[in-house]
């Protein structure tokens, strides 16, 4: 196993390591840090074209731009754009639950979290932050479920619709990560292989789940 793959796999468990070292930090810190941080529009800050009152519409715009970025460099994203947006259009009802934009950090790994006296005291590196559904946070990714992270948000498990949204955010995340090798000109294709594999797997899981339930 090469070092890049080790680092990727390690990032999926880093938050759990923090939780074991500071067992009360997330249940006493996350809610305090996020409480009251609500926005007026779903958006990426500073990008008016990606702002709106309807989360499904904004997410569809974000996803479309992400897919177009991949097509621009002829990156094989391993999923059908036509099927992706057909499924996204059919998923409107699961996005309707998200009424109020919440501040989402979107890069909550251990290096970005400050802990003092068994409490979370600060978060850094906000460059990927947006006003969105809290389920976009890294601790809700379905390929590395973190129960301690769930506890910090005061929930035990995701509902059926919440899980489907989490799958959509998996797909969006992997759409972006699958392109990093090309846009950042990495020396190997390891990141692409890992991310595009997750992208295909999670999209297939999402497609099957959508068509097994009545929306």
Protein backbone atom coordinates (compact mmCIF):
# COMPACT_ATOMS: atom_id res chain seq x y z
CA UNK A 1 0.00 0.00 0.00
CA UNK A 2 1.49 3.36 -1.00
CA UNK A 3 1.63 6.37 1.33
CA UNK A 4 -1.11 8.30 -0.50
CA UNK A 5 -3.58 5.44 -0.08
CA UNK A 6 -2.61 5.14 3.58
CA UNK A 7 -3.28 8.87 4.07
CA UNK A 8 -6.64 8.65 2.33
CA UNK A 9 -7.75 5.73 4.46
CA UNK A 10 -6.43 7.40 7.60
CA UNK A 11 -8.50 10.55 7.01
CA UNK A 12 -11.64 8.42 7.30
CA UNK A 13 -10.78 7.56 10.93
CA UNK A 14 -8.98 10.69 12.16
CA UNK A 15 -12.10 12.14 13.76
CA UNK A 16 -12.66 8.88 15.63
CA UNK A 17 -9.16 9.17 17.08
CA UNK A 18 -10.01 12.65 18.40
CA UNK A 19 -13.21 11.31 19.90
CA UNK A 20 -11.39 8.54 21.74
CA UNK A 21 -8.84 11.00 23.12
CA UNK A 22 -11.50 13.58 24.04
CA UNK A 23 -14.74 11.57 24.50
CA UNK A 24 -16.86 14.54 25.55
CA UNK A 25 -15.51 17.05 23.06
CA UNK A 26 -17.93 16.45 20.25
CA UNK A 27 -21.04 16.08 22.36
CA UNK A 28 -20.28 19.36 24.17
CA UNK A 29 -18.61 21.28 21.37
CA UNK A 30 -20.13 20.81 17.90
CA UNK A 31 -23.62 21.91 18.89
CA UNK A 32 -22.24 25.04 20.57
CA UNK A 33 -20.07 25.90 17.58
CA UNK A 34 -22.86 25.44 15.05
CA UNK A 35 -25.89 26.65 16.97
CA UNK A 36 -27.36 29.78 15.46
CA UNK A 37 -25.12 29.84 12.39
CA UNK A 38 -27.89 29.95 9.84
CA UNK A 39 -27.83 31.72 6.49
CA UNK A 40 -30.38 33.55 4.39
CA UNK A 41 -29.57 31.62 1.19
CA UNK A 42 -28.07 28.31 0.20
CA UNK A 43 -24.77 29.26 -1.34
CA UNK A 44 -21.06 29.30 -1.76
CA UNK A 45 -19.99 32.68 -0.30
CA UNK A 46 -18.98 35.17 -2.94
CA UNK A 47 -20.53 33.23 -5.82
CA UNK A 48 -23.90 34.78 -6.69
CA UNK A 49 -24.49 32.24 -9.48
CA UNK A 50 -24.51 29.50 -6.85
CA UNK A 51 -26.98 31.06 -4.43
CA UNK A 52 -30.69 30.56 -3.96
CA UNK A 53 -33.61 29.85 -1.65
CA UNK A 54 -34.14 26.27 -2.84
CA UNK A 55 -31.47 23.78 -1.78
CA UNK A 56 -32.26 21.24 -4.50
CA UNK A 57 -31.86 23.86 -7.21
CA UNK A 58 -28.57 25.16 -5.78
CA UNK A 59 -27.20 21.65 -5.34
CA UNK A 60 -28.16 20.80 -8.92
CA UNK A 61 -26.21 23.86 -10.13
CA UNK A 62 -23.19 22.84 -8.04
CA UNK A 63 -23.34 19.29 -9.38
CA UNK A 64 -23.67 20.47 -12.97
CA UNK A 65 -20.62 22.68 -12.68
CA UNK A 66 -18.64 19.86 -11.07
CA UNK A 67 -19.50 17.47 -13.90
CA UNK A 68 -18.69 20.09 -16.52
CA UNK A 69 -15.26 20.63 -14.96
CA UNK A 70 -14.54 16.95 -15.48
CA UNK A 71 -15.75 17.01 -19.06
CA UNK A 72 -13.56 20.02 -19.77
CA UNK A 73 -10.45 17.87 -19.27
CA UNK A 74 -12.08 14.73 -20.69
CA UNK A 75 -11.86 12.97 -17.32
CA UNK A 76 -13.65 9.64 -17.18
CA UNK A 77 -16.01 10.10 -14.25
CA UNK A 78 -17.42 6.58 -14.66
CA UNK A 79 -21.07 7.61 -14.35
CA UNK A 80 -23.67 8.82 -16.83
CA UNK A 81 -24.39 12.54 -16.74
CA UNK A 82 -27.86 11.88 -18.18
CA UNK A 83 -28.72 9.33 -15.49
CA UNK A 84 -27.17 11.50 -12.78
CA UNK A 85 -29.46 14.44 -13.49
CA UNK A 86 -32.48 12.23 -14.12
CA UNK A 87 -32.02 10.76 -10.64
CA UNK A 88 -31.34 14.19 -9.16
CA UNK A 89 -34.56 15.56 -10.66
CA UNK A 90 -36.45 12.61 -9.17
CA UNK A 91 -34.89 13.33 -5.77
CA UNK A 92 -36.49 16.75 -5.22
CA UNK A 93 -38.69 15.50 -2.39
CA UNK A 94 -35.74 14.35 -0.27
CA UNK A 95 -34.13 17.79 -0.58
CA UNK A 96 -37.37 19.53 0.39
CA UNK A 97 -36.67 18.64 4.02
CA UNK A 98 -33.81 21.14 4.03
CA UNK A 99 -35.50 24.48 4.61
CA UNK A 100 -32.83 26.60 6.30
CA UNK A 101 -29.19 27.02 5.15
CA UNK A 102 -26.68 25.99 7.82
CA UNK A 103 -23.01 26.86 7.94
CA UNK A 104 -21.07 23.82 6.72
CA UNK A 105 -17.30 23.71 7.20
CA UNK A 106 -16.88 20.77 4.79
CA UNK A 107 -13.30 19.93 5.76
CA UNK A 108 -13.57 18.78 9.39
CA UNK A 109 -10.55 16.56 9.87
CA UNK A 110 -8.38 16.54 12.99
CA UNK A 111 -5.86 19.09 11.72
CA UNK A 112 -8.62 21.68 11.44
CA UNK A 113 -10.08 21.19 14.92
CA UNK A 114 -8.72 22.79 18.12
CA UNK A 115 -9.45 21.05 21.42
CA UNK A 116 -8.66 22.38 24.90
CA UNK A 117 -9.74 21.04 28.28
CA UNK A 118 -11.78 18.29 26.64
CA UNK A 119 -13.81 20.74 24.55
CA UNK A 120 -13.71 21.87 20.94
CA UNK A 121 -12.56 25.50 21.02
CA UNK A 122 -12.11 26.37 17.36
CA UNK A 123 -12.16 25.35 13.71
CA UNK A 124 -9.76 26.56 11.00
CA UNK A 125 -9.43 26.33 7.21
CA UNK A 126 -12.81 27.54 5.99
CA UNK A 127 -11.98 27.77 2.28
CA UNK A 128 -14.50 25.06 1.34
CA UNK A 129 -17.29 26.29 3.60
CA UNK A 130 -20.80 26.95 2.32
CA UNK A 131 -24.38 27.49 3.46
CA UNK A 132 -26.04 24.14 2.94
CA UNK A 133 -27.41 20.96 4.48
CA UNK A 134 -25.41 19.93 7.59
CA UNK A 135 -25.29 16.39 6.19
CA UNK A 136 -22.60 17.58 3.78
CA UNK A 137 -20.08 17.54 6.64
CA UNK A 138 -17.35 14.91 6.31
CA UNK A 139 -18.52 12.98 9.38
CA UNK A 140 -21.74 12.05 7.56
CA UNK A 141 -20.04 10.40 4.58
CA UNK A 142 -21.53 6.94 4.12
CA UNK A 143 -18.23 5.31 3.13
CA UNK A 144 -16.79 6.08 6.58
CA UNK A 145 -19.67 6.45 9.02
CA UNK A 146 -18.57 8.10 12.25
CA UNK A 147 -21.01 7.46 15.11
CA UNK A 148 -19.19 9.86 17.42
CA UNK A 149 -19.73 12.61 14.85
CA UNK A 150 -23.43 11.73 14.79
CA UNK A 151 -23.48 12.03 18.58
CA UNK A 152 -22.05 15.53 18.32
CA UNK A 153 -25.08 16.49 16.25
CA UNK A 154 -27.46 14.83 18.70
CA UNK A 155 -28.65 12.04 16.39
CA UNK A 156 -28.33 8.25 16.47
CA UNK A 157 -28.94 7.41 12.84
CA UNK A 158 -30.07 8.95 9.57
CA UNK A 159 -33.61 8.62 8.32
CA UNK A 160 -34.18 7.05 4.90
CA UNK A 161 -34.37 10.45 3.19
CA UNK A 162 -31.37 11.77 5.11
CA UNK A 163 -29.32 8.76 4.06
CA UNK A 164 -30.24 9.37 0.42
CA UNK A 165 -29.12 12.98 0.72
CA UNK A 166 -25.88 11.80 2.32
CA UNK A 167 -25.37 9.54 -0.71
CA UNK A 168 -25.88 12.53 -2.99
CA UNK A 169 -23.21 14.42 -1.06
CA UNK A 170 -20.90 11.40 -1.41
CA UNK A 171 -21.41 11.60 -5.16
CA UNK A 172 -20.77 15.34 -5.26
CA UNK A 173 -17.64 15.03 -3.13
CA UNK A 174 -16.23 12.24 -5.28
CA UNK A 175 -17.03 14.15 -8.46
CA UNK A 176 -14.62 16.81 -7.22
CA UNK A 177 -11.97 14.50 -5.77
CA UNK A 178 -11.90 12.42 -8.96
CA UNK A 179 -10.61 15.49 -10.79
CA UNK A 180 -7.83 16.51 -8.42
CA UNK A 181 -5.15 14.42 -10.15
CA UNK A 182 -5.71 16.28 -13.41
CA UNK A 183 -6.29 19.78 -12.12
CA UNK A 184 -3.51 19.62 -9.52
CA UNK A 185 -1.23 17.48 -11.71
CA UNK A 186 -0.43 14.81 -9.13
CA UNK A 187 2.40 12.45 -9.91
CA UNK A 188 0.24 9.32 -9.65
CA UNK A 189 -3.36 8.38 -10.43
CA UNK A 190 -3.96 6.86 -7.00
CA UNK A 191 -6.36 9.59 -5.89
CA UNK A 192 -8.34 9.28 -9.14
CA UNK A 193 -8.59 5.50 -8.83
CA UNK A 194 -9.78 5.73 -5.23
CA UNK A 195 -12.28 8.56 -5.77
CA UNK A 196 -13.72 7.42 -9.10
CA UNK A 197 -14.24 3.95 -7.62
CA UNK A 198 -16.18 5.45 -4.71
CA UNK A 199 -18.07 7.68 -7.15
CA UNK A 200 -19.26 4.75 -9.25
CA UNK A 201 -20.11 2.61 -6.20
CA UNK A 202 -22.02 5.34 -4.38
CA UNK A 203 -23.91 6.46 -7.46
CA UNK A 204 -24.98 2.89 -8.15
CA UNK A 205 -26.08 2.50 -4.52
CA UNK A 206 -28.00 5.76 -4.74
CA UNK A 207 -29.67 4.79 -8.02
CA UNK A 208 -30.80 1.46 -6.60
CA UNK A 209 -32.07 3.06 -3.38
CA UNK A 210 -34.03 5.73 -5.23
CA UNK A 211 -35.80 3.17 -7.32
CA UNK A 212 -36.58 0.87 -4.42
CA UNK A 213 -38.54 3.48 -2.48
CA UNK A 214 -41.59 5.57 -3.26
CA UNK A 215 -40.62 9.25 -3.52
